[in-house]
PDB file of N, CA and C in Angstrom:
ATOM      1  N   MET A   1      17.501 -44.704  92.290  1.00  0.00           N
ATOM      2  CA  MET A   1      16.814 -45.496  93.277  1.00  0.00           C
ATOM      3  C   MET A   1      15.798 -44.482  93.935  1.00  0.00           C
ATOM      4  N   ARG A   2      14.614 -44.830  93.981  1.00  0.00           N
ATOM      5  CA  ARG A   2      13.579 -44.015  94.671  1.00  0.00           C
ATOM      6  C   ARG A   2      13.761 -44.053  96.209  1.00  0.00           C
ATOM      7  N   LEU A   3      13.199 -43.101  96.869  1.00  0.00           N
ATOM      8  CA  LEU A   3      13.355 -42.941  98.354  1.00  0.00           C
ATOM      9  C   LEU A   3      12.817 -44.173  99.014  1.00  0.00           C
ATOM     10  N   LEU A   4      11.669 -44.708  98.599  1.00  0.00           N
ATOM     11  CA  LEU A   4      11.058 -45.853  99.196  1.00  0.00           C
ATOM     12  C   LEU A   4      11.949 -47.133  99.021  1.00  0.00           C
ATOM     13  N   ASP A   5      12.585 -47.188  97.840  1.00  0.00           N
ATOM     14  CA  ASP A   5      13.497 -48.355  97.613  1.00  0.00           C
ATOM     15  C   ASP A   5      14.656 -48.211  98.371  1.00  0.00           C
ATOM     16  N   THR A   6      15.261 -46.986  98.649  1.00  0.00           N
ATOM     17  CA  THR A   6      16.361 -46.746  99.519  1.00  0.00           C
ATOM     18  C   THR A   6      16.089 -47.150 100.978  1.00  0.00           C
ATOM     19  N   VAL A   7      14.895 -46.710 101.449  1.00  0.00           N
ATOM     20  CA  VAL A   7      14.483 -46.986 102.818  1.00  0.00           C
ATOM     21  C   VAL A   7      14.387 -48.481 102.991  1.00  0.00           C
ATOM     22  N   ARG A   8      13.818 -49.169 102.078  1.00  0.00           N
ATOM     23  CA  ARG A   8      13.560 -50.601 102.038  1.00  0.00           C
ATOM     24  C   ARG A   8      14.912 -51.352 102.039  1.00  0.00           C
ATOM     25  N   PHE A   9      15.917 -50.839 101.235  1.00  0.00           N
ATOM     26  CA  PHE A   9      17.153 -51.480 101.144  1.00  0.00           C
ATOM     27  C   PHE A   9      17.990 -51.217 102.543  1.00  0.00           C
ATOM     28  N   LEU A  10      17.907 -50.081 103.069  1.00  0.00           N
ATOM     29  CA  LEU A  10      18.554 -49.836 104.341  1.00  0.00           C
ATOM     30  C   LEU A  10      17.891 -50.696 105.518  1.00  0.00           C
ATOM     31  N   ARG A  11      16.618 -50.842 105.471  1.00  0.00           N
ATOM     32  CA  ARG A  11      15.988 -51.624 106.463  1.00  0.00           C
ATOM     33  C   ARG A  11      16.491 -53.042 106.359  1.00  0.00           C
ATOM     34  N   GLU A  12      16.597 -53.605 105.106  1.00  0.00           N
ATOM     35  CA  GLU A  12      16.830 -55.076 104.958  1.00  0.00           C
ATOM     36  C   GLU A  12      18.382 -55.194 105.267  1.00  0.00           C
ATOM     37  N   ALA A  13      19.159 -54.171 104.820  1.00  0.00           N
ATOM     38  CA  ALA A  13      20.617 -54.292 105.109  1.00  0.00           C
ATOM     39  C   ALA A  13      20.871 -54.339 106.679  1.00  0.00           C
ATOM     40  N   LEU A  14      20.114 -53.574 107.421  1.00  0.00           N
ATOM     41  CA  LEU A  14      20.326 -53.555 108.923  1.00  0.00           C
ATOM     42  C   LEU A  14      19.898 -54.786 109.471  1.00  0.00           C
ATOM     43  N   ARG A  15      18.812 -55.433 109.005  1.00  0.00           N
ATOM     44  CA  ARG A  15      18.446 -56.748 109.437  1.00  0.00           C
ATOM     45  C   ARG A  15      19.520 -57.683 109.335  1.00  0.00           C
ATOM     46  N   VAL A  16      20.141 -57.820 108.179  1.00  0.00           N
ATOM     47  CA  VAL A  16      21.166 -58.697 107.882  1.00  0.00           C
ATOM     48  C   VAL A  16      22.443 -58.416 108.762  1.00  0.00           C
ATOM     49  N   LEU A  17      22.722 -57.117 108.843  1.00  0.00           N
ATOM     50  CA  LEU A  17      23.936 -56.722 109.626  1.00  0.00           C
ATOM     51  C   LEU A  17      23.741 -57.103 111.031  1.00  0.00           C
ATOM     52  N   ARG A  18      22.553 -56.867 111.585  1.00  0.00           N
ATOM     53  CA  ARG A  18      22.245 -57.322 112.980  1.00  0.00           C
ATOM     54  C   ARG A  18      22.565 -58.675 113.174  1.00  0.00           C
ATOM     55  N   ALA A  19      21.892 -59.595 112.340  1.00  0.00           N
ATOM     56  CA  ALA A  19      22.041 -61.020 112.371  1.00  0.00           C
ATOM     57  C   ALA A  19      23.457 -61.392 112.207  1.00  0.00           C
ATOM     58  N   ALA A  20      24.288 -60.897 111.315  1.00  0.00           N
ATOM     59  CA  ALA A  20      25.729 -61.139 111.240  1.00  0.00           C
ATOM     60  C   ALA A  20      26.489 -60.744 112.420  1.00  0.00           C
ATOM     61  N   THR A  21      26.147 -59.560 113.040  1.00  0.00           N
ATOM     62  CA  THR A  21      26.735 -59.127 114.215  1.00  0.00           C
ATOM     63  C   THR A  21      26.479 -60.077 115.432  1.00  0.00           C
ATOM     64  N   ASP A  22      25.248 -60.562 115.470  1.00  0.00           N
ATOM     65  CA  ASP A  22      24.917 -61.475 116.522  1.00  0.00           C
ATOM     66  C   ASP A  22      25.741 -62.822 116.445  1.00  0.00           C
ATOM     67  N   LEU A  23      25.993 -63.174 115.175  1.00  0.00           N
ATOM     68  CA  LEU A  23      26.721 -64.401 114.793  1.00  0.00           C
ATOM     69  C   LEU A  23      28.239 -64.202 115.054  1.00  0.00           C
ATOM     70  N   THR A  24      28.762 -62.976 114.784  1.00  0.00           N
ATOM     71  CA  THR A  24      30.258 -62.897 114.919  1.00  0.00           C
ATOM     72  C   THR A  24      30.627 -62.227 116.153  1.00  0.00           C
ATOM     73  N   GLY A  25      29.706 -61.439 116.759  1.00  0.00           N
ATOM     74  CA  GLY A  25      30.025 -60.697 118.040  1.00  0.00           C
ATOM     75  C   GLY A  25      30.854 -59.421 117.751  1.00  0.00           C
ATOM     76  N   ASP A  26      30.947 -59.092 116.417  1.00  0.00           N
ATOM     77  CA  ASP A  26      31.858 -57.915 116.084  1.00  0.00           C
ATOM     78  C   ASP A  26      31.171 -57.111 114.903  1.00  0.00           C
ATOM     79  N   VAL A  27      30.877 -55.941 115.144  1.00  0.00           N
ATOM     80  CA  VAL A  27      30.236 -55.056 114.180  1.00  0.00           C
ATOM     81  C   VAL A  27      31.090 -54.924 112.928  1.00  0.00           C
ATOM     82  N   ASP A  28      32.347 -54.563 113.127  1.00  0.00           N
ATOM     83  CA  ASP A  28      33.364 -54.424 112.009  1.00  0.00           C
ATOM     84  C   ASP A  28      33.439 -55.607 111.265  1.00  0.00           C
ATOM     85  N   ARG A  29      33.549 -56.776 111.828  1.00  0.00           N
ATOM     86  CA  ARG A  29      33.675 -58.011 111.065  1.00  0.00           C
ATOM     87  C   ARG A  29      32.385 -58.337 110.372  1.00  0.00           C
ATOM     88  N   ALA A  30      31.220 -58.045 110.915  1.00  0.00           N
ATOM     89  CA  ALA A  30      29.967 -58.160 110.144  1.00  0.00           C
ATOM     90  C   ALA A  30      29.903 -57.369 108.942  1.00  0.00           C
ATOM     91  N   ILE A  31      30.267 -56.149 109.139  1.00  0.00           N
ATOM     92  CA  ILE A  31      30.279 -55.220 107.963  1.00  0.00           C
ATOM     93  C   ILE A  31      31.247 -55.608 106.850  1.00  0.00           C
ATOM     94  N   PHE A  32      32.323 -56.093 107.232  1.00  0.00           N
ATOM     95  CA  PHE A  32      33.306 -56.544 106.260  1.00  0.00           C
ATOM     96  C   PHE A  32      32.741 -57.777 105.491  1.00  0.00           C
ATOM     97  N   TRP A  33      32.123 -58.723 106.254  1.00  0.00           N
ATOM     98  CA  TRP A  33      31.496 -59.948 105.606  1.00  0.00           C
ATOM     99  C   TRP A  33      30.440 -59.472 104.621  1.00  0.00           C
ATOM    100  N   TYR A  34      29.513 -58.573 105.165  1.00  0.00           N
ATOM    101  CA  TYR A  34      28.456 -58.164 104.410  1.00  0.00           C
ATOM    102  C   TYR A  34      28.825 -57.564 103.089  1.00  0.00           C
ATOM    103  N   ARG A  35      29.855 -56.821 103.013  1.00  0.00           N
ATOM    104  CA  ARG A  35      30.256 -56.198 101.783  1.00  0.00           C
ATOM    105  C   ARG A  35      31.175 -56.901 100.922  1.00  0.00           C
ATOM    106  N   ASN A  36      32.004 -57.819 101.534  1.00  0.00           N
ATOM    107  CA  ASN A  36      33.213 -58.307 100.744  1.00  0.00           C
ATOM    108  C   ASN A  36      33.149 -59.855 100.541  1.00  0.00           C
ATOM    109  N   GLU A  37      32.454 -60.601 101.450  1.00  0.00           N
ATOM    110  CA  GLU A  37      32.636 -62.035 101.472  1.00  0.00           C
ATOM    111  C   GLU A  37      31.746 -62.724 100.373  1.00  0.00           C
ATOM    112  N   PRO A  38      32.351 -63.324  99.349  1.00  0.00           N
ATOM    113  CA  PRO A  38      31.572 -64.065  98.415  1.00  0.00           C
ATOM    114  C   PRO A  38      31.017 -65.281  99.007  1.00  0.00           C
ATOM    115  N   LEU A  39      29.738 -65.564  98.814  1.00  0.00           N
ATOM    116  CA  LEU A  39      29.141 -66.714  99.447  1.00  0.00           C
ATOM    117  C   LEU A  39      28.812 -67.875  98.346  1.00  0.00           C
ATOM    118  N   PRO A  40      29.627 -68.812  98.371  1.00  0.00           N
ATOM    119  CA  PRO A  40      29.379 -69.978  97.406  1.00  0.00           C
ATOM    120  C   PRO A  40      27.982 -70.462  97.269  1.00  0.00           C
ATOM    121  N   ILE A  41      27.234 -70.601  98.409  1.00  0.00           N
ATOM    122  CA  ILE A  41      25.956 -71.068  98.305  1.00  0.00           C
ATOM    123  C   ILE A  41      25.035 -70.213  97.516  1.00  0.00           C
ATOM    124  N   PHE A  42      25.408 -68.941  97.324  1.00  0.00           N
ATOM    125  CA  PHE A  42      24.557 -68.004  96.592  1.00  0.00           C
ATOM    126  C   PHE A  42      25.315 -67.538  95.243  1.00  0.00           C
ATOM    127  N   GLY A  43      26.064 -68.535  94.628  1.00  0.00           N
ATOM    128  CA  GLY A  43      26.669 -68.150  93.391  1.00  0.00           C
ATOM    129  C   GLY A  43      27.718 -67.189  93.534  1.00  0.00           C
ATOM    130  N   TYR A  44      28.450 -67.108  94.739  1.00  0.00           N
ATOM    131  CA  TYR A  44      29.535 -66.218  95.088  1.00  0.00           C
ATOM    132  C   TYR A  44      29.158 -64.760  95.049  1.00  0.00           C
ATOM    133  N   LYS A  45      27.811 -64.450  95.338  1.00  0.00           N
ATOM    134  CA  LYS A  45      27.398 -63.108  95.542  1.00  0.00           C
ATOM    135  C   LYS A  45      27.682 -62.702  97.051  1.00  0.00           C
ATOM    136  N   THR A  46      27.900 -61.381  97.262  1.00  0.00           N
ATOM    137  CA  THR A  46      28.052 -60.956  98.643  1.00  0.00           C
ATOM    138  C   THR A  46      26.636 -60.830  99.205  1.00  0.00           C
ATOM    139  N   ALA A  47      26.657 -60.717 100.588  1.00  0.00           N
ATOM    140  CA  ALA A  47      25.368 -60.523 101.278  1.00  0.00           C
ATOM    141  C   ALA A  47      24.792 -59.114 100.748  1.00  0.00           C
ATOM    142  N   GLU A  48      25.562 -58.152 100.548  1.00  0.00           N
ATOM    143  CA  GLU A  48      25.115 -56.876  99.984  1.00  0.00           C
ATOM    144  C   GLU A  48      24.464 -56.947  98.657  1.00  0.00           C
ATOM    145  N   HIS A  49      24.950 -57.867  97.777  1.00  0.00           N
ATOM    146  CA  HIS A  49      24.298 -58.049  96.503  1.00  0.00           C
ATOM    147  C   HIS A  49      22.981 -58.843  96.704  1.00  0.00           C
ATOM    148  N   LEU A  50      22.976 -59.709  97.622  1.00  0.00           N
ATOM    149  CA  LEU A  50      21.743 -60.518  97.875  1.00  0.00           C
ATOM    150  C   LEU A  50      20.648 -59.543  98.321  1.00  0.00           C
ATOM    151  N   VAL A  51      20.954 -58.690  99.260  1.00  0.00           N
ATOM    152  CA  VAL A  51      19.953 -57.706  99.682  1.00  0.00           C
ATOM    153  C   VAL A  51      19.475 -56.852  98.552  1.00  0.00           C
ATOM    154  N   THR A  52      20.376 -56.471  97.749  1.00  0.00           N
ATOM    155  CA  THR A  52      20.072 -55.594  96.527  1.00  0.00           C
ATOM    156  C   THR A  52      19.120 -56.375  95.643  1.00  0.00           C
ATOM    157  N   ASP A  53      19.276 -57.686  95.559  1.00  0.00           N
ATOM    158  CA  ASP A  53      18.552 -58.620  94.699  1.00  0.00           C
ATOM    159  C   ASP A  53      17.169 -58.989  95.382  1.00  0.00           C
ATOM    160  N   GLY A  54      16.950 -58.587  96.585  1.00  0.00           N
ATOM    161  CA  GLY A  54      15.759 -58.919  97.245  1.00  0.00           C
ATOM    162  C   GLY A  54      15.620 -60.284  97.980  1.00  0.00           C
ATOM    163  N   ARG A  55      16.883 -60.771  98.264  1.00  0.00           N
ATOM    164  CA  ARG A  55      16.991 -62.050  98.860  1.00  0.00           C
ATOM    165  C   ARG A  55      17.261 -62.054 100.360  1.00  0.00           C
ATOM    166  N   THR A  56      16.863 -61.094 100.961  1.00  0.00           N
ATOM    167  CA  THR A  56      17.159 -60.832 102.385  1.00  0.00           C
ATOM    168  C   THR A  56      16.753 -62.118 103.199  1.00  0.00           C
ATOM    169  N   GLU A  57      15.449 -62.637 102.928  1.00  0.00           N
ATOM    170  CA  GLU A  57      14.922 -63.765 103.713  1.00  0.00           C
ATOM    171  C   GLU A  57      15.787 -64.972 103.593  1.00  0.00           C
ATOM    172  N   ASP A  58      16.231 -65.227 102.318  1.00  0.00           N
ATOM    173  CA  ASP A  58      17.100 -66.325 102.047  1.00  0.00           C
ATOM    174  C   ASP A  58      18.453 -66.184 102.862  1.00  0.00           C
ATOM    175  N   LEU A  59      18.998 -65.034 102.853  1.00  0.00           N
ATOM    176  CA  LEU A  59      20.207 -64.709 103.514  1.00  0.00           C
ATOM    177  C   LEU A  59      20.048 -64.875 105.012  1.00  0.00           C
ATOM    178  N   LEU A  60      18.917 -64.452 105.568  1.00  0.00           N
ATOM    179  CA  LEU A  60      18.737 -64.538 107.020  1.00  0.00           C
ATOM    180  C   LEU A  60      18.554 -66.014 107.403  1.00  0.00           C
ATOM    181  N   ARG A  61      17.989 -66.791 106.580  1.00  0.00           N
ATOM    182  CA  ARG A  61      17.900 -68.289 106.899  1.00  0.00           C
ATOM    183  C   ARG A  61      19.198 -68.922 106.743  1.00  0.00           C
ATOM    184  N   TYR A  62      20.105 -68.455 105.894  1.00  0.00           N
ATOM    185  CA  TYR A  62      21.486 -68.952 105.777  1.00  0.00           C
ATOM    186  C   TYR A  62      22.182 -68.606 107.133  1.00  0.00           C
ATOM    187  N   ILE A  63      22.134 -67.346 107.515  1.00  0.00           N
ATOM    188  CA  ILE A  63      22.793 -66.975 108.788  1.00  0.00           C
ATOM    189  C   ILE A  63      22.287 -67.790 110.028  1.00  0.00           C
ATOM    190  N   GLU A  64      20.956 -68.019 110.004  1.00  0.00           N
ATOM    191  CA  GLU A  64      20.370 -68.817 111.121  1.00  0.00           C
ATOM    192  C   GLU A  64      21.048 -70.208 111.002  1.00  0.00           C
ATOM    193  N   SER A  65      21.170 -70.808 109.834  1.00  0.00           N
ATOM    194  CA  SER A  65      21.809 -72.144 109.664  1.00  0.00           C
ATOM    195  C   SER A  65      23.163 -72.101 110.173  1.00  0.00           C
ATOM    196  N   LEU A  66      23.902 -71.103 109.964  1.00  0.00           N
ATOM    197  CA  LEU A  66      25.323 -70.937 110.487  1.00  0.00           C
ATOM    198  C   LEU A  66      25.322 -70.928 112.037  1.00  0.00           C
ATOM    199  N   GLU A  67      24.339 -70.136 112.561  1.00  0.00           N
ATOM    200  CA  GLU A  67      24.243 -70.104 114.027  1.00  0.00           C
ATOM    201  C   GLU A  67      23.950 -71.531 114.627  1.00  0.00           C
ATOM    202  N   ALA A  68      23.189 -72.292 113.854  1.00  0.00           N
ATOM    203  CA  ALA A  68      22.891 -73.612 114.311  1.00  0.00           C
ATOM    204  C   ALA A  68      23.962 -74.691 113.987  1.00  0.00           C
ATOM    205  N   GLY A  69      24.927 -74.237 113.222  1.00  0.00           N
ATOM    206  CA  GLY A  69      26.039 -75.093 112.837  1.00  0.00           C
ATOM    207  C   GLY A  69      25.790 -75.994 111.669  1.00  0.00           C
ATOM    208  N   ALA A  70      24.748 -75.778 110.903  1.00  0.00           N
ATOM    209  CA  ALA A  70      24.324 -76.668 109.825  1.00  0.00           C
ATOM    210  C   ALA A  70      25.075 -76.439 108.559  1.00  0.00           C
ATOM    211  N   ALA A  71      25.590 -75.158 108.331  1.00  0.00           N
ATOM    212  CA  ALA A  71      26.014 -74.836 106.987  1.00  0.00           C
ATOM    213  C   ALA A  71      27.442 -74.211 107.049  1.00  0.00           C
ATOM    214  N   GLY A  72      28.178 -74.447 108.141  1.00  0.00           N
ATOM    215  CA  GLY A  72      29.456 -73.738 108.223  1.00  0.00           C
ATOM    216  C   GLY A  72      30.567 -74.667 107.961  1.00  0.00           C
TER     217      GLY A  72
END
C-alpha cells in the first residue's frame, strides 16, 4: 500500500469510527463494531472491509440511517 493510499484509508476509517462512536457513545464498542461486526446489508462485510473497498460514503449513509432509526 502506498503512503497516499494509507493516508486515505486512515482518514476514511476515522470518519467511520467517529460516526460509529457518535452512534454508540463508546469508542471501544465502535472499534469492535468496525473491525468485527458483519453487516448483512453489505453482504456480511465488516465496516473495515467496506472502507478498504472504497465504500465509506455508503457506510456513512448506513450509519446515518441507524441514527434516524430507519435501518436498525
